[in-house]
Protein backbone atom coordinates (compact mmCIF):
# COMPACT_ATOMS: atom_id res chain seq x y z
CA MET A 1 -30.73 4.65 -40.58
CA VAL A 2 -33.29 7.29 -39.37
CA PHE A 3 -36.91 7.14 -40.54
CA PRO A 4 -38.75 10.43 -41.23
CA ALA A 5 -41.54 11.22 -38.76
CA LEU A 6 -44.54 9.48 -40.07
CA PRO A 7 -47.47 7.89 -38.51
CA ALA A 8 -46.31 4.45 -37.04
CA ARG A 9 -49.14 2.54 -39.19
CA ARG A 10 -47.79 4.04 -42.28
CA VAL A 11 -43.99 3.05 -41.49
CA VAL A 12 -45.09 -0.30 -40.52
CA ASN A 13 -47.10 -0.93 -43.73
CA GLY A 14 -44.25 0.10 -45.74
CA LEU A 15 -41.73 -2.24 -43.62
CA LEU A 16 -44.37 -5.16 -44.36
CA THR A 17 -43.67 -4.80 -48.34
CA LEU A 18 -39.80 -5.27 -47.70
CA PRO A 19 -38.67 -8.78 -49.15
CA LEU A 20 -38.41 -11.31 -46.54
CA ALA A 21 -34.39 -10.96 -46.44
CA GLN A 22 -34.61 -7.26 -45.68
CA ARG A 23 -37.43 -7.75 -43.05
CA LEU A 24 -35.13 -10.19 -41.19
CA GLU A 25 -32.21 -7.99 -41.46
CA LEU A 26 -34.53 -5.35 -40.02
CA VAL A 27 -35.63 -7.64 -37.07
CA GLN A 28 -32.02 -8.49 -36.20
CA THR A 29 -31.22 -4.77 -36.34
CA LEU A 30 -33.98 -4.11 -34.14
CA TRP A 31 -33.20 -6.68 -31.64
CA ASP A 32 -29.35 -5.98 -31.68
CA SER A 33 -30.32 -2.43 -30.69
CA ILE A 34 -32.67 -3.64 -27.77
CA ALA A 35 -30.13 -5.96 -26.54
CA ALA A 36 -27.48 -3.48 -26.70
CA GLU A 37 -29.44 -1.24 -24.21
CA GLN A 38 -29.54 -4.26 -21.55
CA ILE A 39 -32.57 -2.68 -19.97
CA GLY A 40 -34.72 -5.20 -18.02
CA PRO A 41 -37.77 -5.04 -16.53
CA GLU A 42 -38.14 -3.04 -13.09
CA LEU A 43 -38.14 -5.49 -10.24
CA THR A 44 -40.12 -5.01 -7.26
CA GLU A 45 -38.54 -5.72 -3.72
CA ALA A 46 -40.79 -8.71 -3.60
CA ASP A 47 -39.43 -10.04 -7.15
CA ARG A 48 -35.94 -9.73 -5.60
CA GLN A 49 -36.73 -11.45 -2.53
CA VAL A 50 -38.10 -14.26 -4.51
CA ILE A 51 -34.95 -14.55 -6.73
CA ASP A 52 -32.79 -14.19 -3.70
CA GLN A 53 -34.63 -17.04 -2.01
CA ARG A 54 -34.36 -19.22 -5.06
CA LEU A 55 -30.66 -18.51 -5.62
CA GLU A 56 -29.94 -19.56 -2.06
CA MET A 57 -32.14 -22.77 -2.47
CA PHE A 58 -30.06 -23.72 -5.61
CA LEU A 59 -26.79 -22.79 -3.88
CA GLU A 60 -27.42 -24.74 -0.83
CA SER A 61 -28.87 -27.92 -2.65
CA GLY A 62 -26.89 -27.85 -5.95
CA ASP A 63 -29.56 -29.15 -7.95
CA PRO A 64 -29.72 -27.77 -11.11
CA GLY A 65 -33.16 -28.84 -12.06
CA LEU A 66 -34.14 -30.37 -15.39
CA ASP A 67 -32.69 -29.44 -18.74
CA ALA A 68 -34.80 -27.64 -21.52
CA ASP A 69 -34.97 -31.00 -23.44
CA ALA A 70 -36.01 -32.96 -20.58
CA VAL A 71 -38.86 -30.42 -19.77
CA LEU A 72 -40.09 -30.37 -23.50
CA ASP A 73 -39.98 -34.41 -23.47
CA ALA A 74 -42.19 -34.30 -20.38
CA LEU A 75 -44.54 -31.94 -22.02
CA GLU A 76 -44.85 -33.96 -25.13
CA GLN A 77 -45.55 -37.18 -23.15
CA SER A 78 -48.34 -35.50 -21.37
CA LEU A 79 -50.18 -34.23 -24.19
């Protein structure tokens, strides 16, 4: 679907008037189009080094860390 060239605010305001089901479908369509491009953030060399170091530490220790439920439980307990 191609939208005519309109100022962004006008387009957004028009989309916000759609029924919930149509807005959800639009969000899913947009998300799918973003995911299909598989474009990630640009990493600096320092970022790459940190990622490589952490991967090496993981591979050496084999420690998978905590699963998400355990982390969320710990956070809830601390509140």
